[in-house]
Amino acid sequence: MLNHYIEELNNIFLEKLEFIESVEDYLMLKNQIEELNNHYKDLSKLLDKRLLEIF
């Protein structure tokens, strides 16, 4: 299930790569990717925390 969403996000970012025409476009996309990455890190930490609660 998650793989589908990850694949969709990857496709969205790959499409956006085609429209980079300036440094501003690049920086905007780079910022969005970093933000998404931070959310993944937060989710990973929550998952680790849950594992510690279980065991």
N, C-alpha and C. Protein backbone atom coordinates (compact mmCIF):
# COMPACT_ATOMS: atom_id res chain seq x y z
N MET A 1 0.83 -1.20 0.00
CA MET A 1 0.00 0.00 0.00
C MET A 1 0.87 1.26 0.00
N LEU A 2 1.80 1.33 0.91
CA LEU A 2 2.67 2.51 0.97
C LEU A 2 3.52 2.64 -0.28
N ASN A 3 3.90 1.53 -0.85
CA ASN A 3 4.72 1.58 -2.06
C ASN A 3 4.04 2.36 -3.16
N HIS A 4 2.74 2.21 -3.25
CA HIS A 4 1.98 2.94 -4.27
C HIS A 4 2.12 4.45 -4.06
N TYR A 5 1.97 4.90 -2.83
CA TYR A 5 2.07 6.34 -2.55
C TYR A 5 3.50 6.85 -2.76
N ILE A 6 4.45 6.07 -2.37
CA ILE A 6 5.85 6.46 -2.58
C ILE A 6 6.15 6.56 -4.06
N GLU A 7 5.67 5.62 -4.82
CA GLU A 7 5.86 5.65 -6.27
C GLU A 7 5.20 6.88 -6.89
N GLU A 8 4.02 7.20 -6.42
CA GLU A 8 3.32 8.39 -6.92
C GLU A 8 4.10 9.67 -6.60
N LEU A 9 4.60 9.76 -5.39
CA LEU A 9 5.40 10.94 -5.02
C LEU A 9 6.65 11.03 -5.87
N ASN A 10 7.30 9.91 -6.09
CA ASN A 10 8.49 9.91 -6.94
C ASN A 10 8.14 10.38 -8.35
N ASN A 11 7.03 9.92 -8.87
CA ASN A 11 6.61 10.33 -10.21
C ASN A 11 6.33 11.83 -10.28
N ILE A 12 5.71 12.35 -9.24
CA ILE A 12 5.43 13.79 -9.18
C ILE A 12 6.73 14.58 -9.22
N PHE A 13 7.69 14.17 -8.41
CA PHE A 13 8.96 14.90 -8.38
C PHE A 13 9.72 14.73 -9.67
N LEU A 14 9.66 13.57 -10.28
CA LEU A 14 10.32 13.37 -11.57
C LEU A 14 9.70 14.26 -12.64
N GLU A 15 8.40 14.41 -12.61
CA GLU A 15 7.73 15.31 -13.56
C GLU A 15 8.16 16.75 -13.33
N LYS A 16 8.27 17.12 -12.07
CA LYS A 16 8.67 18.50 -11.76
C LYS A 16 10.09 18.78 -12.22
N LEU A 17 10.93 17.77 -12.24
CA LEU A 17 12.31 17.95 -12.70
C LEU A 17 12.35 18.49 -14.13
N GLU A 18 11.40 18.06 -14.91
CA GLU A 18 11.36 18.48 -16.31
C GLU A 18 11.06 19.97 -16.47
N PHE A 19 10.47 20.57 -15.45
CA PHE A 19 10.05 21.97 -15.55
C PHE A 19 10.98 22.94 -14.83
N ILE A 20 12.10 22.44 -14.37
CA ILE A 20 13.06 23.34 -13.71
C ILE A 20 13.69 24.21 -14.78
N GLU A 21 13.48 25.50 -14.64
CA GLU A 21 14.01 26.45 -15.61
C GLU A 21 14.84 27.55 -14.96
N SER A 22 14.92 27.50 -13.64
CA SER A 22 15.68 28.54 -12.95
C SER A 22 16.19 28.00 -11.62
N VAL A 23 17.07 28.76 -11.03
CA VAL A 23 17.58 28.40 -9.71
C VAL A 23 16.44 28.40 -8.70
N GLU A 24 15.51 29.32 -8.85
CA GLU A 24 14.36 29.38 -7.93
C GLU A 24 13.52 28.11 -8.02
N ASP A 25 13.31 27.63 -9.23
CA ASP A 25 12.56 26.38 -9.41
C ASP A 25 13.28 25.23 -8.72
N TYR A 26 14.59 25.19 -8.95
CA TYR A 26 15.40 24.15 -8.33
C TYR A 26 15.31 24.22 -6.81
N LEU A 27 15.48 25.40 -6.26
CA LEU A 27 15.45 25.55 -4.80
C LEU A 27 14.09 25.19 -4.21
N MET A 28 13.04 25.53 -4.92
CA MET A 28 11.71 25.19 -4.45
C MET A 28 11.53 23.67 -4.40
N LEU A 29 11.93 23.00 -5.45
CA LEU A 29 11.81 21.54 -5.48
C LEU A 29 12.72 20.89 -4.45
N LYS A 30 13.90 21.40 -4.32
CA LYS A 30 14.85 20.89 -3.32
C LYS A 30 14.26 21.04 -1.92
N ASN A 31 13.65 22.17 -1.64
CA ASN A 31 13.04 22.41 -0.34
C ASN A 31 11.89 21.44 -0.08
N GLN A 32 11.08 21.19 -1.10
CA GLN A 32 9.96 20.26 -0.96
C GLN A 32 10.45 18.85 -0.68
N ILE A 33 11.51 18.45 -1.35
CA ILE A 33 12.07 17.12 -1.13
C ILE A 33 12.64 17.01 0.27
N GLU A 34 13.32 18.03 0.74
CA GLU A 34 13.87 18.02 2.09
C GLU A 34 12.76 17.97 3.13
N GLU A 35 11.69 18.70 2.89
CA GLU A 35 10.55 18.68 3.81
C GLU A 35 9.93 17.29 3.87
N LEU A 36 9.76 16.69 2.73
CA LEU A 36 9.22 15.33 2.68
C LEU A 36 10.15 14.36 3.41
N ASN A 37 11.42 14.50 3.19
CA ASN A 37 12.39 13.66 3.86
C ASN A 37 12.30 13.82 5.39
N ASN A 38 12.12 15.02 5.85
CA ASN A 38 11.98 15.26 7.30
C ASN A 38 10.73 14.58 7.85
N HIS A 39 9.67 14.57 7.09
CA HIS A 39 8.46 13.88 7.53
C HIS A 39 8.69 12.38 7.63
N TYR A 40 9.43 11.84 6.67
CA TYR A 40 9.76 10.42 6.72
C TYR A 40 10.60 10.10 7.95
N LYS A 41 11.54 10.98 8.26
CA LYS A 41 12.37 10.78 9.45
C LYS A 41 11.51 10.80 10.71
N ASP A 42 10.57 11.72 10.78
CA ASP A 42 9.68 11.80 11.93
C ASP A 42 8.85 10.53 12.06
N LEU A 43 8.34 10.03 10.95
CA LEU A 43 7.57 8.80 10.98
C LEU A 43 8.42 7.62 11.41
N SER A 44 9.64 7.60 10.97
CA SER A 44 10.55 6.53 11.35
C SER A 44 10.82 6.56 12.85
N LYS A 45 10.99 7.75 13.40
CA LYS A 45 11.20 7.89 14.84
C LYS A 45 9.97 7.42 15.62
N LEU A 46 8.79 7.75 15.12
CA LEU A 46 7.57 7.29 15.79
C LEU A 46 7.46 5.77 15.75
N LEU A 47 7.84 5.20 14.64
CA LEU A 47 7.81 3.75 14.52
C LEU A 47 8.80 3.11 15.49
N ASP A 48 9.99 3.67 15.60
CA ASP A 48 10.98 3.17 16.55
C ASP A 48 10.48 3.29 17.99
N LYS A 49 9.87 4.41 18.28
CA LYS A 49 9.32 4.62 19.62
C LYS A 49 8.25 3.58 19.93
N ARG A 50 7.41 3.30 18.97
CA ARG A 50 6.36 2.30 19.16
C ARG A 50 6.96 0.93 19.39
N LEU A 51 8.00 0.60 18.68
CA LEU A 51 8.68 -0.68 18.86
C LEU A 51 9.21 -0.80 20.27
N LEU A 52 9.80 0.25 20.79
CA LEU A 52 10.31 0.24 22.15
C LEU A 52 9.19 0.09 23.18
N GLU A 53 8.04 0.65 22.89
CA GLU A 53 6.90 0.51 23.80
C GLU A 53 6.39 -0.93 23.83
N ILE A 54 6.44 -1.59 22.71
CA ILE A 54 5.94 -2.95 22.61
C ILE A 54 6.88 -3.93 23.28
N PHE A 55 8.17 -3.72 23.07
CA PHE A 55 9.17 -4.65 23.63
C PHE A 55 9.87 -3.98 24.75
